[in-house]
């Protein structure tokens, strides 16, 4: 099996969304929601610029990763993205071994019990 370089997926910083960039995102898709593929009525419906791949999951903050979305569609996607990011961060913590053990050594410093030199076991 060949060696594969592992990339660290980090959170991308968000740049300011100017009205000019917002217009570019709208014109790129012609006003079609990138999540439900329905036409957005820009005057009557609330819409936001949504990152197709979330920034916290390693998505880029450029026009290729952005699209207009209904506000309701974006809320559902954002909840799903937060759940996926939390799971990924938990897996990363377990993989790296950052989190302390949940099972302390018997009679260690984190244990409720201690063993005296005489061999007697007492509560700390």
PDB file of N, CA and C in Angstrom:
ATOM      1  N   UNK A   1       0.842  -1.170   0.000  1.00  0.00           N
ATOM      2  CA  UNK A   1       0.000   0.000   0.000  1.00  0.00           C
ATOM      3  C   UNK A   1       0.895   1.243   0.000  1.00  0.00           C
ATOM      4  N   UNK A   2       0.684   2.158  -0.945  1.00  0.00           N
ATOM      5  CA  UNK A   2       1.528   3.351  -0.997  1.00  0.00           C
ATOM      6  C   UNK A   2       1.216   4.306   0.154  1.00  0.00           C
ATOM      7  N   UNK A   3       2.239   5.052   0.513  1.00  0.00           N
ATOM      8  CA  UNK A   3       2.086   6.039   1.576  1.00  0.00           C
ATOM      9  C   UNK A   3       1.276   7.221   1.066  1.00  0.00           C
ATOM     10  N   UNK A   4       0.268   7.621   1.832  1.00  0.00           N
ATOM     11  CA  UNK A   4      -0.586   8.742   1.447  1.00  0.00           C
ATOM     12  C   UNK A   4      -0.373   9.867   2.450  1.00  0.00           C
ATOM     13  N   UNK A   5      -0.092  11.051   1.935  1.00  0.00           N
ATOM     14  CA  UNK A   5       0.080  12.221   2.799  1.00  0.00           C
ATOM     15  C   UNK A   5      -1.278  12.627   3.368  1.00  0.00           C
ATOM     16  N   UNK A   6      -1.375  12.775   4.670  1.00  0.00           N
ATOM     17  CA  UNK A   6      -2.623  13.144   5.333  1.00  0.00           C
ATOM     18  C   UNK A   6      -2.670  14.656   5.464  1.00  0.00           C
ATOM     19  N   UNK A   7      -3.763  15.245   4.988  1.00  0.00           N
ATOM     20  CA  UNK A   7      -3.947  16.683   5.111  1.00  0.00           C
ATOM     21  C   UNK A   7      -4.763  16.980   6.352  1.00  0.00           C
ATOM     22  N   UNK A   8      -4.360  18.007   7.064  1.00  0.00           N
ATOM     23  CA  UNK A   8      -5.114  18.441   8.229  1.00  0.00           C
ATOM     24  C   UNK A   8      -6.213  19.380   7.764  1.00  0.00           C
ATOM     25  N   UNK A   9      -7.465  19.035   8.040  1.00  0.00           N
ATOM     26  CA  UNK A   9      -8.597  19.866   7.653  1.00  0.00           C
ATOM     27  C   UNK A   9      -8.854  20.856   8.779  1.00  0.00           C
ATOM     28  N   UNK A  10      -8.672  22.124   8.475  1.00  0.00           N
ATOM     29  CA  UNK A  10      -8.875  23.156   9.479  1.00  0.00           C
ATOM     30  C   UNK A  10     -10.000  24.075   9.046  1.00  0.00           C
ATOM     31  N   UNK A  11     -10.432  24.912   9.957  1.00  0.00           N
ATOM     32  CA  UNK A  11     -11.486  25.869   9.655  1.00  0.00           C
ATOM     33  C   UNK A  11     -10.909  27.008   8.824  1.00  0.00           C
ATOM     34  N   UNK A  12     -11.584  27.331   7.722  1.00  0.00           N
ATOM     35  CA  UNK A  12     -11.150  28.413   6.853  1.00  0.00           C
ATOM     36  C   UNK A  12     -11.698  29.735   7.385  1.00  0.00           C
ATOM     37  N   UNK A  13     -10.876  30.764   7.324  1.00  0.00           N
ATOM     38  CA  UNK A  13     -11.320  32.080   7.762  1.00  0.00           C
ATOM     39  C   UNK A  13     -12.298  32.659   6.746  1.00  0.00           C
ATOM     40  N   UNK A  14     -13.308  33.358   7.245  1.00  0.00           N
ATOM     41  CA  UNK A  14     -14.344  33.945   6.397  1.00  0.00           C
ATOM     42  C   UNK A  14     -13.979  35.392   6.074  1.00  0.00           C
ATOM     43  N   UNK A  15     -14.010  35.712   4.782  1.00  0.00           N
ATOM     44  CA  UNK A  15     -13.784  37.098   4.368  1.00  0.00           C
ATOM     45  C   UNK A  15     -15.106  37.852   4.385  1.00  0.00           C
ATOM     46  N   UNK A  16     -15.005  39.174   4.351  1.00  0.00           N
ATOM     47  CA  UNK A  16     -16.207  40.002   4.343  1.00  0.00           C
ATOM     48  C   UNK A  16     -16.947  39.813   3.024  1.00  0.00           C
ATOM     49  N   UNK A  17     -18.269  39.681   3.114  1.00  0.00           N
ATOM     50  CA  UNK A  17     -19.094  39.505   1.925  1.00  0.00           C
ATOM     51  C   UNK A  17     -19.622  40.873   1.498  1.00  0.00           C
ATOM     52  N   UNK A  18     -19.027  41.427   0.472  1.00  0.00           N
ATOM     53  CA  UNK A  18     -19.435  42.740  -0.018  1.00  0.00           C
ATOM     54  C   UNK A  18     -20.665  42.600  -0.905  1.00  0.00           C
ATOM     55  N   UNK A  19     -21.405  43.686  -1.128  1.00  0.00           N
ATOM     56  CA  UNK A  19     -22.546  43.620  -2.047  1.00  0.00           C
ATOM     57  C   UNK A  19     -22.139  43.187  -3.462  1.00  0.00           C
ATOM     58  N   UNK A  20     -20.940  43.545  -3.884  1.00  0.00           N
ATOM     59  CA  UNK A  20     -20.464  43.139  -5.205  1.00  0.00           C
ATOM     60  C   UNK A  20     -20.283  41.623  -5.288  1.00  0.00           C
ATOM     61  N   UNK A  21     -19.677  41.031  -4.254  1.00  0.00           N
ATOM     62  CA  UNK A  21     -19.503  39.566  -4.233  1.00  0.00           C
ATOM     63  C   UNK A  21     -20.849  38.863  -4.123  1.00  0.00           C
ATOM     64  N   UNK A  22     -21.772  39.437  -3.342  1.00  0.00           N
ATOM     65  CA  UNK A  22     -23.114  38.858  -3.213  1.00  0.00           C
ATOM     66  C   UNK A  22     -23.823  38.833  -4.565  1.00  0.00           C
ATOM     67  N   UNK A  23     -23.670  39.899  -5.343  1.00  0.00           N
ATOM     68  CA  UNK A  23     -24.259  39.955  -6.683  1.00  0.00           C
ATOM     69  C   UNK A  23     -23.610  38.924  -7.604  1.00  0.00           C
ATOM     70  N   UNK A  24     -22.300  38.746  -7.494  1.00  0.00           N
ATOM     71  CA  UNK A  24     -21.611  37.735  -8.310  1.00  0.00           C
ATOM     72  C   UNK A  24     -22.138  36.334  -8.006  1.00  0.00           C
ATOM     73  N   UNK A  25     -22.372  36.047  -6.740  1.00  0.00           N
ATOM     74  CA  UNK A  25     -22.905  34.728  -6.352  1.00  0.00           C
ATOM     75  C   UNK A  25     -24.292  34.531  -6.940  1.00  0.00           C
ATOM     76  N   UNK A  26     -25.127  35.579  -6.882  1.00  0.00           N
ATOM     77  CA  UNK A  26     -26.490  35.501  -7.432  1.00  0.00           C
ATOM     78  C   UNK A  26     -26.450  35.243  -8.936  1.00  0.00           C
ATOM     79  N   UNK A  27     -25.615  35.980  -9.645  1.00  0.00           N
ATOM     80  CA  UNK A  27     -25.555  35.864 -11.107  1.00  0.00           C
ATOM     81  C   UNK A  27     -24.919  34.555 -11.555  1.00  0.00           C
ATOM     82  N   UNK A  28     -24.057  33.989 -10.744  1.00  0.00           N
ATOM     83  CA  UNK A  28     -23.398  32.721 -11.111  1.00  0.00           C
ATOM     84  C   UNK A  28     -24.419  31.604 -11.307  1.00  0.00           C
ATOM     85  N   UNK A  29     -25.451  31.569 -10.460  1.00  0.00           N
ATOM     86  CA  UNK A  29     -26.442  30.495 -10.554  1.00  0.00           C
ATOM     87  C   UNK A  29     -27.760  30.956 -11.176  1.00  0.00           C
ATOM     88  N   UNK A  30     -27.860  32.236 -11.460  1.00  0.00           N
ATOM     89  CA  UNK A  30     -29.105  32.741 -12.031  1.00  0.00           C
ATOM     90  C   UNK A  30     -30.240  32.803 -11.026  1.00  0.00           C
ATOM     91  N   UNK A  31     -29.924  32.883  -9.742  1.00  0.00           N
ATOM     92  CA  UNK A  31     -30.958  32.990  -8.716  1.00  0.00           C
ATOM     93  C   UNK A  31     -31.609  31.680  -8.346  1.00  0.00           C
ATOM     94  N   UNK A  32     -30.929  30.566  -8.576  1.00  0.00           N
ATOM     95  CA  UNK A  32     -31.459  29.238  -8.227  1.00  0.00           C
ATOM     96  C   UNK A  32     -30.805  28.784  -6.928  1.00  0.00           C
ATOM     97  N   UNK A  33     -31.606  28.314  -5.994  1.00  0.00           N
ATOM     98  CA  UNK A  33     -31.102  27.830  -4.711  1.00  0.00           C
ATOM     99  C   UNK A  33     -30.185  26.629  -4.940  1.00  0.00           C
ATOM    100  N   UNK A  34     -28.983  26.675  -4.361  1.00  0.00           N
ATOM    101  CA  UNK A  34     -28.033  25.577  -4.558  1.00  0.00           C
ATOM    102  C   UNK A  34     -28.393  24.345  -3.735  1.00  0.00           C
ATOM    103  N   UNK A  35     -29.332  24.475  -2.805  1.00  0.00           N
ATOM    104  CA  UNK A  35     -29.693  23.349  -1.954  1.00  0.00           C
ATOM    105  C   UNK A  35     -30.940  22.618  -2.439  1.00  0.00           C
ATOM    106  N   UNK A  36     -31.977  23.357  -2.840  1.00  0.00           N
ATOM    107  CA  UNK A  36     -33.220  22.697  -3.267  1.00  0.00           C
ATOM    108  C   UNK A  36     -33.464  22.845  -4.773  1.00  0.00           C
ATOM    109  N   UNK A  37     -32.616  23.585  -5.480  1.00  0.00           N
ATOM    110  CA  UNK A  37     -32.676  23.768  -6.940  1.00  0.00           C
ATOM    111  C   UNK A  37     -33.965  24.442  -7.409  1.00  0.00           C
ATOM    112  N   UNK A  38     -34.606  25.230  -6.527  1.00  0.00           N
ATOM    113  CA  UNK A  38     -35.777  26.002  -6.941  1.00  0.00           C
ATOM    114  C   UNK A  38     -35.365  27.451  -7.128  1.00  0.00           C
ATOM    115  N   UNK A  39     -36.095  28.144  -7.985  1.00  0.00           N
ATOM    116  CA  UNK A  39     -35.831  29.554  -8.255  1.00  0.00           C
ATOM    117  C   UNK A  39     -36.150  30.389  -7.014  1.00  0.00           C
ATOM    118  N   UNK A  40     -35.272  31.356  -6.694  1.00  0.00           N
ATOM    119  CA  UNK A  40     -35.473  32.246  -5.559  1.00  0.00           C
ATOM    120  C   UNK A  40     -36.044  33.555  -6.079  1.00  0.00           C
ATOM    121  N   UNK A  41     -37.157  33.975  -5.492  1.00  0.00           N
ATOM    122  CA  UNK A  41     -37.711  35.288  -5.810  1.00  0.00           C
ATOM    123  C   UNK A  41     -36.984  36.281  -4.914  1.00  0.00           C
ATOM    124  N   UNK A  42     -36.021  36.985  -5.464  1.00  0.00           N
ATOM    125  CA  UNK A  42     -35.146  37.859  -4.694  1.00  0.00           C
ATOM    126  C   UNK A  42     -35.855  38.999  -3.995  1.00  0.00           C
ATOM    127  N   UNK A  43     -37.034  39.376  -4.483  1.00  0.00           N
ATOM    128  CA  UNK A  43     -37.763  40.489  -3.878  1.00  0.00           C
ATOM    129  C   UNK A  43     -38.618  40.010  -2.711  1.00  0.00           C
ATOM    130  N   UNK A  44     -39.269  38.859  -2.846  1.00  0.00           N
ATOM    131  CA  UNK A  44     -40.234  38.400  -1.839  1.00  0.00           C
ATOM    132  C   UNK A  44     -39.671  37.388  -0.849  1.00  0.00           C
ATOM    133  N   UNK A  45     -38.606  36.704  -1.206  1.00  0.00           N
ATOM    134  CA  UNK A  45     -38.064  35.659  -0.341  1.00  0.00           C
ATOM    135  C   UNK A  45     -36.714  36.082   0.230  1.00  0.00           C
ATOM    136  N   UNK A  46     -36.492  35.667   1.482  1.00  0.00           N
ATOM    137  CA  UNK A  46     -35.196  35.934   2.095  1.00  0.00           C
ATOM    138  C   UNK A  46     -34.212  34.872   1.615  1.00  0.00           C
ATOM    139  N   UNK A  47     -33.023  35.309   1.253  1.00  0.00           N
ATOM    140  CA  UNK A  47     -31.997  34.373   0.814  1.00  0.00           C
ATOM    141  C   UNK A  47     -30.650  34.812   1.371  1.00  0.00           C
ATOM    142  N   UNK A  48     -29.764  33.847   1.487  1.00  0.00           N
ATOM    143  CA  UNK A  48     -28.418  34.124   1.975  1.00  0.00           C
ATOM    144  C   UNK A  48     -27.406  33.470   1.048  1.00  0.00           C
ATOM    145  N   UNK A  49     -26.174  33.867   1.191  1.00  0.00           N
ATOM    146  CA  UNK A  49     -25.082  33.226   0.454  1.00  0.00           C
ATOM    147  C   UNK A  49     -24.592  32.063   1.309  1.00  0.00           C
ATOM    148  N   UNK A  50     -24.695  30.868   0.773  1.00  0.00           N
ATOM    149  CA  UNK A  50     -24.354  29.652   1.517  1.00  0.00           C
ATOM    150  C   UNK A  50     -23.085  29.042   0.938  1.00  0.00           C
ATOM    151  N   UNK A  51     -22.196  28.607   1.822  1.00  0.00           N
ATOM    152  CA  UNK A  51     -21.015  27.859   1.374  1.00  0.00           C
ATOM    153  C   UNK A  51     -21.460  26.423   1.104  1.00  0.00           C
ATOM    154  N   UNK A  52     -21.191  25.924  -0.075  1.00  0.00           N
ATOM    155  CA  UNK A  52     -21.611  24.582  -0.457  1.00  0.00           C
ATOM    156  C   UNK A  52     -20.912  23.551   0.433  1.00  0.00           C
ATOM    157  N   UNK A  53     -19.612  23.685   0.589  1.00  0.00           N
ATOM    158  CA  UNK A  53     -18.883  22.888   1.585  1.00  0.00           C
ATOM    159  C   UNK A  53     -18.541  23.835   2.719  1.00  0.00           C
ATOM    160  N   UNK A  54     -18.996  23.512   3.909  1.00  0.00           N
ATOM    161  CA  UNK A  54     -18.875  24.411   5.058  1.00  0.00           C
ATOM    162  C   UNK A  54     -17.414  24.755   5.346  1.00  0.00           C
ATOM    163  N   UNK A  55     -17.192  25.984   5.799  1.00  0.00           N
ATOM    164  CA  UNK A  55     -15.843  26.422   6.128  1.00  0.00           C
ATOM    165  C   UNK A  55     -15.253  25.589   7.252  1.00  0.00           C
ATOM    166  N   UNK A  56     -16.076  25.195   8.232  1.00  0.00           N
ATOM    167  CA  UNK A  56     -15.563  24.406   9.345  1.00  0.00           C
ATOM    168  C   UNK A  56     -15.242  22.972   8.948  1.00  0.00           C
ATOM    169  N   UNK A  57     -15.659  22.572   7.742  1.00  0.00           N
ATOM    170  CA  UNK A  57     -15.319  21.245   7.227  1.00  0.00           C
ATOM    171  C   UNK A  57     -14.246  21.321   6.151  1.00  0.00           C
ATOM    172  N   UNK A  58     -13.572  22.471   6.066  1.00  0.00           N
ATOM    173  CA  UNK A  58     -12.456  22.612   5.139  1.00  0.00           C
ATOM    174  C   UNK A  58     -12.818  23.229   3.806  1.00  0.00           C
ATOM    175  N   UNK A  59     -14.009  23.793   3.654  1.00  0.00           N
ATOM    176  CA  UNK A  59     -14.401  24.437   2.407  1.00  0.00           C
ATOM    177  C   UNK A  59     -13.684  25.753   2.206  1.00  0.00           C
ATOM    178  N   UNK A  60     -13.550  26.146   0.944  1.00  0.00           N
ATOM    179  CA  UNK A  60     -12.859  27.389   0.610  1.00  0.00           C
ATOM    180  C   UNK A  60     -13.834  28.558   0.646  1.00  0.00           C
ATOM    181  N   UNK A  61     -13.305  29.738   0.928  1.00  0.00           N
ATOM    182  CA  UNK A  61     -14.121  30.944   0.951  1.00  0.00           C
ATOM    183  C   UNK A  61     -13.933  31.699  -0.360  1.00  0.00           C
ATOM    184  N   UNK A  62     -14.322  31.054  -1.456  1.00  0.00           N
ATOM    185  CA  UNK A  62     -14.254  31.699  -2.767  1.00  0.00           C
ATOM    186  C   UNK A  62     -15.576  31.507  -3.501  1.00  0.00           C
ATOM    187  N   UNK A  63     -15.715  32.165  -4.640  1.00  0.00           N
ATOM    188  CA  UNK A  63     -16.985  32.146  -5.364  1.00  0.00           C
ATOM    189  C   UNK A  63     -17.358  30.756  -5.868  1.00  0.00           C
ATOM    190  N   UNK A  64     -16.394  29.895  -6.088  1.00  0.00           N
ATOM    191  CA  UNK A  64     -16.681  28.546  -6.549  1.00  0.00           C
ATOM    192  C   UNK A  64     -17.371  27.684  -5.500  1.00  0.00           C
ATOM    193  N   UNK A  65     -17.247  28.064  -4.239  1.00  0.00           N
ATOM    194  CA  UNK A  65     -17.830  27.294  -3.143  1.00  0.00           C
ATOM    195  C   UNK A  65     -19.060  27.986  -2.558  1.00  0.00           C
ATOM    196  N   UNK A  66     -19.543  29.036  -3.205  1.00  0.00           N
ATOM    197  CA  UNK A  66     -20.689  29.784  -2.690  1.00  0.00           C
ATOM    198  C   UNK A  66     -21.859  29.713  -3.650  1.00  0.00           C
ATOM    199  N   UNK A  67     -23.038  29.850  -3.087  1.00  0.00           N
ATOM    200  CA  UNK A  67     -24.231  29.891  -3.911  1.00  0.00           C
ATOM    201  C   UNK A  67     -25.384  30.470  -3.117  1.00  0.00           C
ATOM    202  N   UNK A  68     -26.399  31.028  -3.793  1.00  0.00           N
ATOM    203  CA  UNK A  68     -27.560  31.549  -3.076  1.00  0.00           C
ATOM    204  C   UNK A  68     -28.426  30.394  -2.579  1.00  0.00           C
ATOM    205  N   UNK A  69     -29.063  30.610  -1.435  1.00  0.00           N
ATOM    206  CA  UNK A  69     -29.932  29.575  -0.870  1.00  0.00           C
ATOM    207  C   UNK A  69     -31.064  30.242  -0.104  1.00  0.00           C
ATOM    208  N   UNK A  70     -32.237  29.596  -0.133  1.00  0.00           N
ATOM    209  CA  UNK A  70     -33.333  30.065   0.703  1.00  0.00           C
ATOM    210  C   UNK A  70     -32.865  30.040   2.154  1.00  0.00           C
ATOM    211  N   UNK A  71     -33.352  30.958   2.950  1.00  0.00           N
ATOM    212  CA  UNK A  71     -32.927  31.016   4.345  1.00  0.00           C
ATOM    213  C   UNK A  71     -33.322  29.740   5.097  1.00  0.00           C
ATOM    214  N   UNK A  72     -34.496  29.194   4.808  1.00  0.00           N
ATOM    215  CA  UNK A  72     -34.944  27.967   5.477  1.00  0.00           C
ATOM    216  C   UNK A  72     -34.076  26.774   5.070  1.00  0.00           C
ATOM    217  N   UNK A  73     -33.740  26.674   3.786  1.00  0.00           N
ATOM    218  CA  UNK A  73     -32.877  25.575   3.320  1.00  0.00           C
ATOM    219  C   UNK A  73     -31.500  25.658   3.981  1.00  0.00           C
ATOM    220  N   UNK A  74     -30.983  26.874   4.092  1.00  0.00           N
ATOM    221  CA  UNK A  74     -29.653  27.071   4.664  1.00  0.00           C
ATOM    222  C   UNK A  74     -29.616  26.712   6.143  1.00  0.00           C
ATOM    223  N   UNK A  75     -30.705  26.984   6.873  1.00  0.00           N
ATOM    224  CA  UNK A  75     -30.741  26.635   8.307  1.00  0.00           C
ATOM    225  C   UNK A  75     -30.633  25.129   8.512  1.00  0.00           C
ATOM    226  N   UNK A  76     -31.327  24.366   7.687  1.00  0.00           N
ATOM    227  CA  UNK A  76     -31.272  22.903   7.797  1.00  0.00           C
ATOM    228  C   UNK A  76     -29.866  22.407   7.475  1.00  0.00           C
ATOM    229  N   UNK A  77     -29.257  22.941   6.424  1.00  0.00           N
ATOM    230  CA  UNK A  77     -27.912  22.527   6.034  1.00  0.00           C
ATOM    231  C   UNK A  77     -26.891  22.910   7.103  1.00  0.00           C
ATOM    232  N   UNK A  78     -27.041  24.096   7.685  1.00  0.00           N
ATOM    233  CA  UNK A  78     -26.105  24.549   8.706  1.00  0.00           C
ATOM    234  C   UNK A  78     -26.151  23.648   9.929  1.00  0.00           C
ATOM    235  N   UNK A  79     -27.338  23.216  10.346  1.00  0.00           N
ATOM    236  CA  UNK A  79     -27.447  22.288  11.476  1.00  0.00           C
ATOM    237  C   UNK A  79     -26.720  20.983  11.172  1.00  0.00           C
ATOM    238  N   UNK A  80     -26.907  20.476   9.969  1.00  0.00           N
ATOM    239  CA  UNK A  80     -26.239  19.241   9.569  1.00  0.00           C
ATOM    240  C   UNK A  80     -24.724  19.436   9.536  1.00  0.00           C
ATOM    241  N   UNK A  81     -24.270  20.594   9.035  1.00  0.00           N
ATOM    242  CA  UNK A  81     -22.828  20.868   8.986  1.00  0.00           C
ATOM    243  C   UNK A  81     -22.224  20.922  10.380  1.00  0.00           C
ATOM    244  N   UNK A  82     -22.932  21.536  11.334  1.00  0.00           N
ATOM    245  CA  UNK A  82     -22.419  21.610  12.699  1.00  0.00           C
ATOM    246  C   UNK A  82     -22.308  20.220  13.319  1.00  0.00           C
ATOM    247  N   UNK A  83     -23.291  19.361  13.073  1.00  0.00           N
ATOM    248  CA  UNK A  83     -23.238  17.988  13.594  1.00  0.00           C
ATOM    249  C   UNK A  83     -22.057  17.234  13.000  1.00  0.00           C
ATOM    250  N   UNK A  84     -21.872  17.372  11.687  1.00  0.00           N
ATOM    251  CA  UNK A  84     -20.764  16.677  11.021  1.00  0.00           C
ATOM    252  C   UNK A  84     -19.413  17.197  11.505  1.00  0.00           C
ATOM    253  N   UNK A  85     -19.303  18.511  11.716  1.00  0.00           N
ATOM    254  CA  UNK A  85     -18.040  19.094  12.186  1.00  0.00           C
ATOM    255  C   UNK A  85     -17.730  18.644  13.607  1.00  0.00           C
ATOM    256  N   UNK A  86     -18.747  18.575  14.468  1.00  0.00           N
ATOM    257  CA  UNK A  86     -18.529  18.121  15.842  1.00  0.00           C
ATOM    258  C   UNK A  86     -18.059  16.671  15.868  1.00  0.00           C
ATOM    259  N   UNK A  87     -18.661  15.852  15.017  1.00  0.00           N
ATOM    260  CA  UNK A  87     -18.256  14.445  14.947  1.00  0.00           C
ATOM    261  C   UNK A  87     -16.818  14.321  14.445  1.00  0.00           C
ATOM    262  N   UNK A  88     -16.473  15.107  13.421  1.00  0.00           N
ATOM    263  CA  UNK A  88     -15.118  15.063  12.872  1.00  0.00           C
ATOM    264  C   UNK A  88     -14.087  15.527  13.895  1.00  0.00           C
ATOM    265  N   UNK A  89     -14.416  16.572  14.660  1.00  0.00           N
ATOM    266  CA  UNK A  89     -13.487  17.053  15.680  1.00  0.00           C
ATOM    267  C   UNK A  89     -13.315  16.025  16.785  1.00  0.00           C
ATOM    268  N   UNK A  90     -14.405  15.343  17.159  1.00  0.00           N
ATOM    269  CA  UNK A  90     -14.301  14.289  18.164  1.00  0.00           C
ATOM    270  C   UNK A  90     -13.432  13.137  17.698  1.00  0.00           C
ATOM    271  N   UNK A  91     -13.592  12.753  16.429  1.00  0.00           N
ATOM    272  CA  UNK A  91     -12.771  11.679  15.880  1.00  0.00           C
ATOM    273  C   UNK A  91     -11.302  12.084  15.832  1.00  0.00           C
ATOM    274  N   UNK A  92     -11.045  13.355  15.512  1.00  0.00           N
ATOM    275  CA  UNK A  92      -9.670  13.841  15.456  1.00  0.00           C
ATOM    276  C   UNK A  92      -9.043  13.822  16.843  1.00  0.00           C
ATOM    277  N   UNK A  93      -9.814  14.225  17.860  1.00  0.00           N
ATOM    278  CA  UNK A  93      -9.304  14.220  19.232  1.00  0.00           C
ATOM    279  C   UNK A  93      -8.962  12.802  19.663  1.00  0.00           C
ATOM    280  N   UNK A  94      -9.838  11.842  19.350  1.00  0.00           N
ATOM    281  CA  UNK A  94      -9.557  10.446  19.705  1.00  0.00           C
ATOM    282  C   UNK A  94      -8.356   9.902  18.942  1.00  0.00           C
ATOM    283  N   UNK A  95      -8.232  10.263  17.658  1.00  0.00           N
ATOM    284  CA  UNK A  95      -7.148   9.751  16.827  1.00  0.00           C
ATOM    285  C   UNK A  95      -5.795  10.268  17.299  1.00  0.00           C
ATOM    286  N   UNK A  96      -5.746  11.548  17.647  1.00  0.00           N
ATOM    287  CA  UNK A  96      -4.482  12.148  18.081  1.00  0.00           C
ATOM    288  C   UNK A  96      -4.158  11.738  19.509  1.00  0.00           C
ATOM    289  N   UNK A  97      -5.172  11.474  20.312  1.00  0.00           N
ATOM    290  CA  UNK A  97      -4.951  11.087  21.692  1.00  0.00           C
ATOM    291  C   UNK A  97      -4.841  12.277  22.623  1.00  0.00           C
ATOM    292  N   UNK A  98      -5.516  13.360  22.295  1.00  0.00           N
ATOM    293  CA  UNK A  98      -5.450  14.588  23.087  1.00  0.00           C
ATOM    294  C   UNK A  98      -6.226  14.443  24.381  1.00  0.00           C
ATOM    295  N   UNK A  99      -7.360  13.788  24.324  1.00  0.00           N
ATOM    296  CA  UNK A  99      -8.236  13.685  25.481  1.00  0.00           C
ATOM    297  C   UNK A  99      -7.634  12.723  26.498  1.00  0.00           C
ATOM    298  N   UNK A 100      -7.775  13.067  27.774  1.00  0.00           N
ATOM    299  CA  UNK A 100      -7.248  12.203  28.828  1.00  0.00           C
ATOM    300  C   UNK A 100      -8.111  10.947  28.937  1.00  0.00           C
ATOM    301  N   UNK A 101      -7.544   9.938  29.517  1.00  0.00           N
ATOM    302  CA  UNK A 101      -8.224   8.663  29.647  1.00  0.00           C
ATOM    303  C   UNK A 101      -9.424   8.779  30.579  1.00  0.00           C
ATOM    304  N   UNK A 102     -10.513   8.112  30.231  1.00  0.00           N
ATOM    305  CA  UNK A 102     -11.705   8.096  31.071  1.00  0.00           C
ATOM    306  C   UNK A 102     -11.601   7.011  32.144  1.00  0.00           C
ATOM    307  N   UNK A 103     -10.606   6.148  32.010  1.00  0.00           N
ATOM    308  CA  UNK A 103     -10.413   5.068  32.973  1.00  0.00           C
ATOM    309  C   UNK A 103      -9.060   5.266  33.651  1.00  0.00           C
ATOM    310  N   UNK A 104      -9.025   5.907  34.814  1.00  0.00           N
ATOM    311  CA  UNK A 104      -7.743   6.152  35.480  1.00  0.00           C
ATOM    312  C   UNK A 104      -7.127   4.847  35.981  1.00  0.00           C
ATOM    313  N   UNK A 105      -5.830   4.884  36.170  1.00  0.00           N
ATOM    314  CA  UNK A 105      -5.138   3.712  36.697  1.00  0.00           C
ATOM    315  C   UNK A 105      -5.627   3.433  38.116  1.00  0.00           C
ATOM    316  N   UNK A 106      -5.719   2.168  38.483  1.00  0.00           N
ATOM    317  CA  UNK A 106      -6.162   1.871  39.850  1.00  0.00           C
ATOM    318  C   UNK A 106      -5.165   2.418  40.875  1.00  0.00           C
ATOM    319  N   UNK A 107      -5.698   3.136  41.833  1.00  0.00           N
ATOM    320  CA  UNK A 107      -4.929   3.738  42.915  1.00  0.00           C
ATOM    321  C   UNK A 107      -3.963   4.819  42.424  1.00  0.00           C
ATOM    322  N   UNK A 108      -4.188   5.352  41.224  1.00  0.00           N
ATOM    323  CA  UNK A 108      -3.365   6.446  40.714  1.00  0.00           C
ATOM    324  C   UNK A 108      -3.804   7.770  41.311  1.00  0.00           C
ATOM    325  N   UNK A 109      -3.206   8.869  40.849  1.00  0.00           N
ATOM    326  CA  UNK A 109      -3.529  10.186  41.401  1.00  0.00           C
ATOM    327  C   UNK A 109      -4.983  10.589  41.154  1.00  0.00           C
ATOM    328  N   UNK A 110      -5.563  10.135  40.052  1.00  0.00           N
ATOM    329  CA  UNK A 110      -6.941  10.502  39.726  1.00  0.00           C
ATOM    330  C   UNK A 110      -7.967   9.535  40.298  1.00  0.00           C
ATOM    331  N   UNK A 111      -7.519   8.537  40.989  1.00  0.00           N
ATOM    332  CA  UNK A 111      -8.424   7.548  41.568  1.00  0.00           C
ATOM    333  C   UNK A 111      -8.977   8.050  42.894  1.00  0.00           C
ATOM    334  N   UNK A 112     -10.163   7.565  43.264  1.00  0.00           N
ATOM    335  CA  UNK A 112     -10.752   7.925  44.560  1.00  0.00           C
ATOM    336  C   UNK A 112     -10.118   7.145  45.699  1.00  0.00           C
ATOM    337  N   UNK A 113      -9.358   6.123  45.366  1.00  0.00           N
ATOM    338  CA  UNK A 113      -8.784   5.250  46.377  1.00  0.00           C
ATOM    339  C   UNK A 113      -7.266   5.349  46.343  1.00  0.00           C
ATOM    340  N   UNK A 114      -6.633   5.121  47.486  1.00  0.00           N
ATOM    341  CA  UNK A 114      -5.171   5.059  47.516  1.00  0.00           C
ATOM    342  C   UNK A 114      -4.736   3.865  48.350  1.00  0.00           C
ATOM    343  N   UNK A 115      -3.590   3.362  48.006  1.00  0.00           N
ATOM    344  CA  UNK A 115      -3.049   2.212  48.719  1.00  0.00           C
ATOM    345  C   UNK A 115      -1.853   2.690  49.535  1.00  0.00           C
ATOM    346  N   UNK A 116      -1.878   2.426  50.816  1.00  0.00           N
ATOM    347  CA  UNK A 116      -0.783   2.815  51.692  1.00  0.00           C
ATOM    348  C   UNK A 116       0.364   1.824  51.554  1.00  0.00           C
ATOM    349  N   UNK A 117       1.510   2.205  52.096  1.00  0.00           N
ATOM    350  CA  UNK A 117       2.673   1.314  52.025  1.00  0.00           C
ATOM    351  C   UNK A 117       2.420  -0.004  52.747  1.00  0.00           C
ATOM    352  N   UNK A 118       1.534   0.023  53.701  1.00  0.00           N
ATOM    353  CA  UNK A 118       1.207  -1.209  54.443  1.00  0.00           C
ATOM    354  C   UNK A 118       0.312  -2.141  53.641  1.00  0.00           C
ATOM    355  N   UNK A 119      -0.230  -1.631  52.490  1.00  0.00           N
ATOM    356  CA  UNK A 119      -1.108  -2.442  51.661  1.00  0.00           C
ATOM    357  C   UNK A 119      -2.577  -2.169  51.914  1.00  0.00           C
ATOM    358  N   UNK A 120      -2.883  -1.345  52.888  1.00  0.00           N
ATOM    359  CA  UNK A 120      -4.255  -1.008  53.223  1.00  0.00           C
ATOM    360  C   UNK A 120      -4.812  -0.047  52.169  1.00  0.00           C
ATOM    361  N   UNK A 121      -6.063  -0.250  51.773  1.00  0.00           N
ATOM    362  CA  UNK A 121      -6.727   0.591  50.771  1.00  0.00           C
ATOM    363  C   UNK A 121      -7.684   1.513  51.492  1.00  0.00           C
ATOM    364  N   UNK A 122      -7.512   2.840  51.265  1.00  0.00           N
ATOM    365  CA  UNK A 122      -8.344   3.841  51.927  1.00  0.00           C
ATOM    366  C   UNK A 122      -8.848   4.841  50.889  1.00  0.00           C
ATOM    367  N   UNK A 123      -9.919   5.509  51.254  1.00  0.00           N
ATOM    368  CA  UNK A 123     -10.490   6.546  50.378  1.00  0.00           C
ATOM    369  C   UNK A 123      -9.642   7.810  50.499  1.00  0.00           C
ATOM    370  N   UNK A 124      -9.433   8.507  49.408  1.00  0.00           N
ATOM    371  CA  UNK A 124      -8.651   9.750  49.437  1.00  0.00           C
ATOM    372  C   UNK A 124      -9.408  10.854  50.109  1.00  0.00           C
TER     373      UNK A 124
END
